[in-house]
Amino acid sequence: MTKFSSAIKAGVAGAIFLCAGYAAGAAWPDHPLRLVVPFPAGGSYDIVARTLSQKLEKRLGQPVVVENIAGGATVPGVTSALKDKAEGYTLLLASDGSLNINQHVIKGLRYNPDTELTPITMLTTVPHWIVVRSDRKEHSLTELTAFIRSNPGKVSISINAVGGAAHLGLASWKQRNGLDFTIVPYRGSPPAMADLIGGQTDAHVDVIGSSVAYVTDGKVKPLATLQSQAVTQFPKLETQKADEALSVRANLALMVKTGTPQPIIERLYKEVKSSVEEPDFIARLQSLAYEPVLTPPAQARKFLQSESARYGAIAKAVNLDAN
């Protein structure tokens, strides 16, 4: 057999292999999918996940079962998703903590997000704000900051999880401004809000969508949105622009285990994008003050890499163990 004949046979074999692989991807899915949410049920992330699962079920023709595995700085949820095969049947709804922060703040982390997880898309931005009980006299973050300065060591501000975007943002703000207050981590928004309303804590940094109902009910009031852009639903809220400001920038991404065939990733991106762009889904996001992003997989990967570098620099400057 000539080298030329061998090369032709090898090329044909390779083409058959690629076609077979694509056919397998084209036949996907042929059984139910699992959507892991490493956050408590009932929060805004969970609402997004369940809205998305209902849309995907119709588009994929298979059930998409939401599974909440909360706590542990999202590590149990992520590791559970990574135990399944890379076949596109297990999806992970992940935030900055899982994808960009844990690797910098958790010693001996059991997963590497940069190599073991692959993005389908950056789903939404996640605006945060700081809220206090309605009967407090402060009406802005500027006023709360002044109160902290005049009452060193006596103010406590809660967050929803250890080592997340809110934790790093709050610790960085505390350090840069020489403020003396206590950061109190909780496992999700509901218990943190219960203690805030009960007077156990003085303020709470939260995803807007997870606590907006408490504001609507008049139980708490927002002092500021923790980004430079105004939030459409609360245009009069104080925003953050100066270097010493309290800033929390967070995102929500849909991920799969690395090794998932590219045709499946592209199919998922197409169906997720179409689902989120439906008017009722957009309206649901707006009710949570979320903004859709929907970047393609390759662009999402570049963004996550840049965010990991950004959070790594913050984590290096801030000692979370001391906060």
Protein backbone atom coordinates (compact mmCIF):
# COMPACT_ATOMS: atom_id res chain seq x y z
CA MET A 1 0.00 0.00 0.00
CA THR A 2 1.36 3.42 -0.94
CA LYS A 3 1.68 6.29 1.46
CA PHE A 4 -0.89 8.13 -0.66
CA SER A 5 -3.43 5.31 -0.30
CA SER A 6 -2.79 5.17 3.45
CA ALA A 7 -3.35 8.89 3.73
CA ILE A 8 -6.67 8.62 1.83
CA LYS A 9 -7.86 5.81 4.11
CA ALA A 10 -6.84 7.74 7.20
CA GLY A 11 -8.69 10.81 5.92
CA VAL A 12 -11.83 8.81 5.18
CA ALA A 13 -11.68 7.21 8.64
CA GLY A 14 -11.29 10.61 10.25
CA ALA A 15 -14.24 11.98 8.31
CA ILE A 16 -16.40 9.03 9.34
CA PHE A 17 -15.39 9.56 12.98
CA LEU A 18 -16.29 13.26 12.83
CA CYS A 19 -19.60 12.54 11.12
CA ALA A 20 -20.43 9.90 13.71
CA GLY A 21 -19.58 12.31 16.50
CA TYR A 22 -21.74 15.03 14.98
CA ALA A 23 -24.59 12.57 14.45
CA ALA A 24 -24.42 11.71 18.14
CA GLY A 25 -24.57 15.39 18.96
CA ALA A 26 -27.43 15.93 16.50
CA ALA A 27 -29.46 13.13 18.13
CA TRP A 28 -29.01 14.78 21.52
CA PRO A 29 -30.92 14.86 23.82
CA ASP A 30 -32.59 11.47 24.17
CA HIS A 31 -33.23 11.57 27.94
CA PRO A 32 -33.87 14.18 30.69
CA LEU A 33 -31.36 16.89 31.58
CA ARG A 34 -30.23 18.02 35.02
CA LEU A 35 -29.74 21.70 35.87
CA VAL A 36 -27.67 22.09 39.04
CA VAL A 37 -28.22 25.32 40.98
CA PRO A 38 -25.70 25.72 43.84
CA PHE A 39 -28.00 28.17 45.62
CA PRO A 40 -31.10 27.83 47.83
CA ALA A 41 -34.55 27.36 46.32
CA GLY A 42 -36.65 30.50 46.14
CA GLY A 43 -33.86 33.01 45.49
CA SER A 44 -33.46 35.00 42.29
CA TYR A 45 -30.87 32.60 40.83
CA ASP A 46 -33.30 29.75 41.40
CA ILE A 47 -36.10 31.73 39.72
CA VAL A 48 -33.91 32.24 36.65
CA ALA A 49 -33.01 28.55 36.60
CA ARG A 50 -36.60 27.35 36.80
CA THR A 51 -37.78 29.81 34.16
CA LEU A 52 -34.98 28.63 31.87
CA SER A 53 -35.69 24.95 32.52
CA GLN A 54 -39.33 25.37 31.49
CA LYS A 55 -38.29 27.04 28.25
CA LEU A 56 -35.62 24.45 27.44
CA GLU A 57 -37.99 21.56 28.06
CA LYS A 58 -40.19 22.81 25.22
CA ARG A 59 -37.28 23.44 22.88
CA LEU A 60 -35.33 20.24 23.59
CA GLY A 61 -38.28 17.89 23.98
CA GLN A 62 -36.93 16.51 27.26
CA PRO A 63 -37.51 17.34 30.96
CA VAL A 64 -34.94 19.68 32.51
CA VAL A 65 -34.88 18.95 36.24
CA VAL A 66 -33.63 21.73 38.54
CA GLU A 67 -31.60 20.46 41.49
CA ASN A 68 -30.67 22.90 44.28
CA ILE A 69 -27.43 21.95 46.06
CA ALA A 70 -26.79 24.96 48.27
CA GLY A 71 -24.11 25.85 50.81
CA GLY A 72 -20.39 25.26 51.05
CA ALA A 73 -19.53 28.37 49.01
CA THR A 74 -21.21 26.57 46.04
CA VAL A 75 -18.50 23.87 46.03
CA PRO A 76 -20.87 20.90 46.69
CA GLY A 77 -23.10 21.94 43.79
CA VAL A 78 -20.22 22.37 41.36
CA THR A 79 -18.55 19.09 42.32
CA SER A 80 -21.87 17.28 41.96
CA ALA A 81 -22.25 18.60 38.42
CA LEU A 82 -18.69 17.56 37.58
CA LYS A 83 -19.33 13.95 38.65
CA ASP A 84 -21.53 13.37 35.61
CA LYS A 85 -20.23 12.56 32.15
CA ALA A 86 -19.43 15.37 29.69
CA GLU A 87 -22.38 14.63 27.44
CA GLY A 88 -24.45 17.80 27.86
CA TYR A 89 -27.06 16.25 30.14
CA THR A 90 -25.86 18.11 33.23
CA LEU A 91 -25.90 21.90 33.21
CA LEU A 92 -24.60 24.21 35.92
CA LEU A 93 -25.94 27.68 36.68
CA ALA A 94 -22.87 29.35 38.16
CA SER A 95 -21.96 32.76 39.53
CA ASP A 96 -18.65 34.55 40.06
CA GLY A 97 -17.98 32.66 43.28
CA SER A 98 -17.97 29.28 41.55
CA LEU A 99 -16.16 30.40 38.41
CA ASN A 100 -13.78 33.21 39.35
CA ILE A 101 -13.40 33.56 43.12
CA ASN A 102 -13.26 30.19 44.87
CA GLN A 103 -9.98 29.26 43.22
CA HIS A 104 -8.40 32.32 44.86
CA VAL A 105 -9.91 32.07 48.33
CA ILE A 106 -10.46 28.35 49.08
CA LYS A 107 -7.39 26.29 49.86
CA GLY A 108 -7.45 22.81 48.34
CA LEU A 109 -10.40 23.55 46.08
CA ARG A 110 -11.62 20.28 44.57
CA TYR A 111 -12.22 21.61 41.08
CA ASN A 112 -10.50 23.90 38.58
CA PRO A 113 -13.14 26.08 36.89
CA ASP A 114 -10.77 27.21 34.15
CA THR A 115 -10.14 23.68 32.88
CA GLU A 116 -13.05 21.55 34.11
CA LEU A 117 -15.96 23.81 33.14
CA THR A 118 -16.88 25.21 29.73
CA PRO A 119 -19.34 28.10 29.25
CA ILE A 120 -22.45 27.90 27.13
CA THR A 121 -23.10 31.61 27.65
CA MET A 122 -22.87 34.48 30.10
CA LEU A 123 -26.57 34.53 30.90
CA THR A 124 -27.18 37.77 32.84
CA THR A 125 -25.63 40.50 34.89
CA VAL A 126 -26.58 40.42 38.58
CA PRO A 127 -26.99 43.91 40.11
CA HIS A 128 -26.52 44.19 43.88
CA TRP A 129 -27.63 46.77 46.42
CA ILE A 130 -27.31 47.42 50.13
CA VAL A 131 -30.49 47.48 52.22
CA VAL A 132 -31.37 48.33 55.83
CA ARG A 133 -34.47 48.00 57.95
CA SER A 134 -37.12 50.56 57.05
CA ASP A 135 -37.04 52.31 60.40
CA ARG A 136 -33.33 53.19 60.25
CA LYS A 137 -32.62 56.89 59.82
CA GLU A 138 -30.04 56.44 57.04
CA HIS A 139 -31.31 57.01 53.50
CA SER A 140 -28.09 56.48 51.51
CA LEU A 141 -24.83 54.56 51.67
CA THR A 142 -23.08 57.85 52.32
CA GLU A 143 -25.10 58.26 55.51
CA LEU A 144 -24.50 54.64 56.56
CA THR A 145 -20.76 55.11 56.02
CA ALA A 146 -20.81 58.13 58.31
CA PHE A 147 -22.64 56.08 60.95
CA ILE A 148 -20.02 53.30 60.69
CA ARG A 149 -17.22 55.83 61.17
CA SER A 150 -18.87 57.28 64.27
CA ASN A 151 -19.63 53.81 65.70
CA PRO A 152 -16.50 51.72 65.04
CA GLY A 153 -16.91 47.99 65.62
CA LYS A 154 -20.63 48.25 66.33
CA VAL A 155 -22.12 47.78 62.83
CA SER A 156 -22.69 44.40 61.17
CA ILE A 157 -23.37 43.94 57.46
CA SER A 158 -24.54 40.56 56.17
CA ILE A 159 -23.92 38.78 52.87
CA ASN A 160 -25.44 35.68 51.26
CA ALA A 161 -22.36 33.47 51.08
CA VAL A 162 -18.74 33.17 52.12
CA GLY A 163 -16.21 34.22 49.49
CA GLY A 164 -18.63 35.46 46.85
CA ALA A 165 -18.63 38.71 44.89
CA ALA A 166 -20.44 40.51 47.73
CA HIS A 167 -17.92 39.26 50.31
CA LEU A 168 -14.92 40.40 48.28
CA GLY A 169 -16.53 43.71 47.36
CA LEU A 170 -17.49 44.48 50.94
CA ALA A 171 -14.10 43.45 52.35
CA SER A 172 -12.29 45.52 49.74
CA TRP A 173 -14.44 48.58 50.52
CA LYS A 174 -13.81 48.11 54.24
CA GLN A 175 -10.05 47.91 53.75
CA ARG A 176 -9.71 50.80 51.29
CA ASN A 177 -11.70 53.15 53.49
CA GLY A 178 -10.32 52.06 56.89
CA LEU A 179 -13.79 51.16 58.15
CA ASP A 180 -14.42 49.06 61.27
CA PHE A 181 -17.50 46.84 60.95
CA THR A 182 -18.31 43.12 60.97
CA ILE A 183 -19.14 41.10 57.85
CA VAL A 184 -21.63 38.31 58.61
CA PRO A 185 -22.01 35.52 56.01
CA TYR A 186 -25.32 33.66 55.66
CA ARG A 187 -26.48 30.71 53.62
CA GLY A 188 -28.73 32.52 51.20
CA SER A 189 -30.93 35.61 51.30
CA PRO A 190 -33.99 34.46 53.32
CA PRO A 191 -32.18 33.87 56.65
CA ALA A 192 -30.09 37.02 56.19
CA MET A 193 -33.19 39.09 55.53
CA ALA A 194 -34.98 37.57 58.53
CA ASP A 195 -32.14 38.61 60.84
CA LEU A 196 -31.92 42.06 59.26
CA ILE A 197 -35.63 42.65 59.84
CA GLY A 198 -35.30 41.19 63.34
CA GLY A 199 -32.52 43.62 64.22
CA GLN A 200 -29.68 41.08 64.54
CA THR A 201 -27.74 42.85 61.75
CA ASP A 202 -27.64 46.47 60.58
CA ALA A 203 -27.44 46.16 56.80
CA HIS A 204 -27.37 43.54 54.07
CA VAL A 205 -25.60 43.39 50.68
CA ASP A 206 -27.81 41.40 48.34
CA VAL A 207 -28.75 40.60 44.78
CA ILE A 208 -31.59 43.02 44.01
CA GLY A 209 -33.87 40.26 42.76
CA SER A 210 -33.56 38.27 45.98
CA SER A 211 -34.73 41.08 48.27
CA VAL A 212 -36.87 43.35 46.12
CA ALA A 213 -40.05 41.79 47.57
CA TYR A 214 -39.00 42.95 51.07
CA VAL A 215 -38.60 46.47 49.72
CA THR A 216 -41.99 46.32 48.02
CA ASP A 217 -43.52 45.15 51.31
CA GLY A 218 -41.94 48.08 53.14
CA LYS A 219 -39.90 45.91 55.51
CA VAL A 220 -36.51 47.17 54.30
CA LYS A 221 -35.26 50.06 52.19
CA PRO A 222 -32.37 50.22 49.71
CA LEU A 223 -29.59 52.73 50.29
CA ALA A 224 -27.63 52.38 47.05
CA THR A 225 -27.06 50.23 44.01
CA LEU A 226 -23.52 48.85 44.06
CA GLN A 227 -22.53 49.66 40.49
CA SER A 228 -21.93 52.76 38.39
CA GLN A 229 -25.05 52.31 36.26
CA ALA A 230 -28.46 53.19 37.62
CA VAL A 231 -30.96 50.35 37.91
CA THR A 232 -33.99 50.97 35.71
CA GLN A 233 -36.49 50.02 38.40
CA PHE A 234 -34.81 52.28 41.01
CA PRO A 235 -33.40 55.23 39.06
CA LYS A 236 -33.10 57.55 42.09
CA LEU A 237 -30.87 55.23 44.11
CA GLU A 238 -27.32 56.36 44.84
CA THR A 239 -24.80 54.72 42.46
CA GLN A 240 -21.09 53.98 42.91
CA LYS A 241 -18.46 55.79 40.85
CA ALA A 242 -15.43 56.71 42.97
CA ASP A 243 -12.48 54.36 43.57
CA GLU A 244 -13.29 54.14 47.26
CA ALA A 245 -16.94 53.24 46.61
CA LEU A 246 -18.60 49.95 47.50
CA SER A 247 -18.81 48.08 44.20
CA VAL A 248 -20.11 44.56 43.61
CA ARG A 249 -20.09 43.31 40.04
CA ALA A 250 -21.51 39.85 39.48
CA ASN A 251 -22.68 37.68 36.60
CA LEU A 252 -24.56 34.46 36.04
CA ALA A 253 -23.32 31.87 33.53
CA LEU A 254 -24.57 28.55 32.20
CA MET A 255 -21.81 25.93 32.15
CA VAL A 256 -21.19 22.32 31.16
CA LYS A 257 -18.39 19.92 31.99
CA THR A 258 -15.35 20.34 29.76
CA GLY A 259 -15.27 17.68 27.09
CA THR A 260 -18.91 18.14 26.11
CA PRO A 261 -19.07 17.85 22.30
CA GLN A 262 -19.03 21.21 20.55
CA PRO A 263 -22.22 20.54 18.52
CA ILE A 264 -24.09 20.07 21.80
CA ILE A 265 -22.63 23.27 23.25
CA GLU A 266 -23.67 25.18 20.13
CA ARG A 267 -27.18 23.66 20.25
CA LEU A 268 -27.52 24.61 23.90
CA TYR A 269 -26.37 28.15 23.23
CA LYS A 270 -28.89 28.51 20.40
CA GLU A 271 -31.79 27.22 22.52
CA VAL A 272 -30.82 29.19 25.64
CA LYS A 273 -30.44 32.42 23.68
CA SER A 274 -33.80 31.94 21.98
CA SER A 275 -35.43 31.09 25.31
CA VAL A 276 -34.12 34.13 27.16
CA GLU A 277 -35.06 36.45 24.31
CA GLU A 278 -38.74 35.51 24.58
CA PRO A 279 -40.76 38.50 25.89
CA ASP A 280 -42.03 36.79 29.03
CA PHE A 281 -38.50 35.71 30.01
CA ILE A 282 -37.21 39.24 29.46
CA ALA A 283 -40.02 40.55 31.63
CA ARG A 284 -39.12 38.03 34.35
CA LEU A 285 -35.50 39.18 34.30
CA GLN A 286 -36.55 42.81 34.46
CA SER A 287 -38.66 42.08 37.54
CA LEU A 288 -35.43 40.89 39.19
CA ALA A 289 -33.43 43.87 37.85
CA TYR A 290 -31.32 41.45 35.77
CA GLU A 291 -30.01 42.30 32.31
CA PRO A 292 -29.53 39.54 29.70
CA VAL A 293 -26.02 39.18 28.25
CA LEU A 294 -26.09 36.00 26.11
CA THR A 295 -22.51 36.03 24.83
CA PRO A 296 -21.43 33.13 22.56
CA PRO A 297 -19.35 30.35 24.18
CA ALA A 298 -15.93 31.56 23.00
CA GLN A 299 -16.60 35.15 24.06
CA ALA A 300 -17.94 33.94 27.40
CA ARG A 301 -14.72 32.00 28.02
CA LYS A 302 -12.58 35.11 27.40
CA PHE A 303 -14.74 37.14 29.76
CA LEU A 304 -14.49 34.53 32.52
CA GLN A 305 -10.72 34.46 32.17
CA SER A 306 -10.54 38.23 32.59
CA GLU A 307 -12.87 38.11 35.61
CA SER A 308 -10.74 35.42 37.26
CA ALA A 309 -7.70 37.68 36.92
CA ARG A 310 -9.64 40.66 38.32
CA TYR A 311 -10.93 38.76 41.34
CA GLY A 312 -7.53 37.20 41.90
CA ALA A 313 -6.04 40.66 42.32
CA ILE A 314 -8.78 41.66 44.77
CA ALA A 315 -8.41 38.45 46.78
CA LYS A 316 -4.65 39.00 47.00
CA ALA A 317 -5.18 42.48 48.43
CA VAL A 318 -7.90 41.47 50.87
CA ASN A 319 -7.61 38.90 53.67
CA LEU A 320 -11.09 37.38 53.83
CA ASP A 321 -10.17 35.39 56.95
CA ALA A 322 -9.85 38.72 58.76
CA ASN A 323 -13.22 39.91 57.46
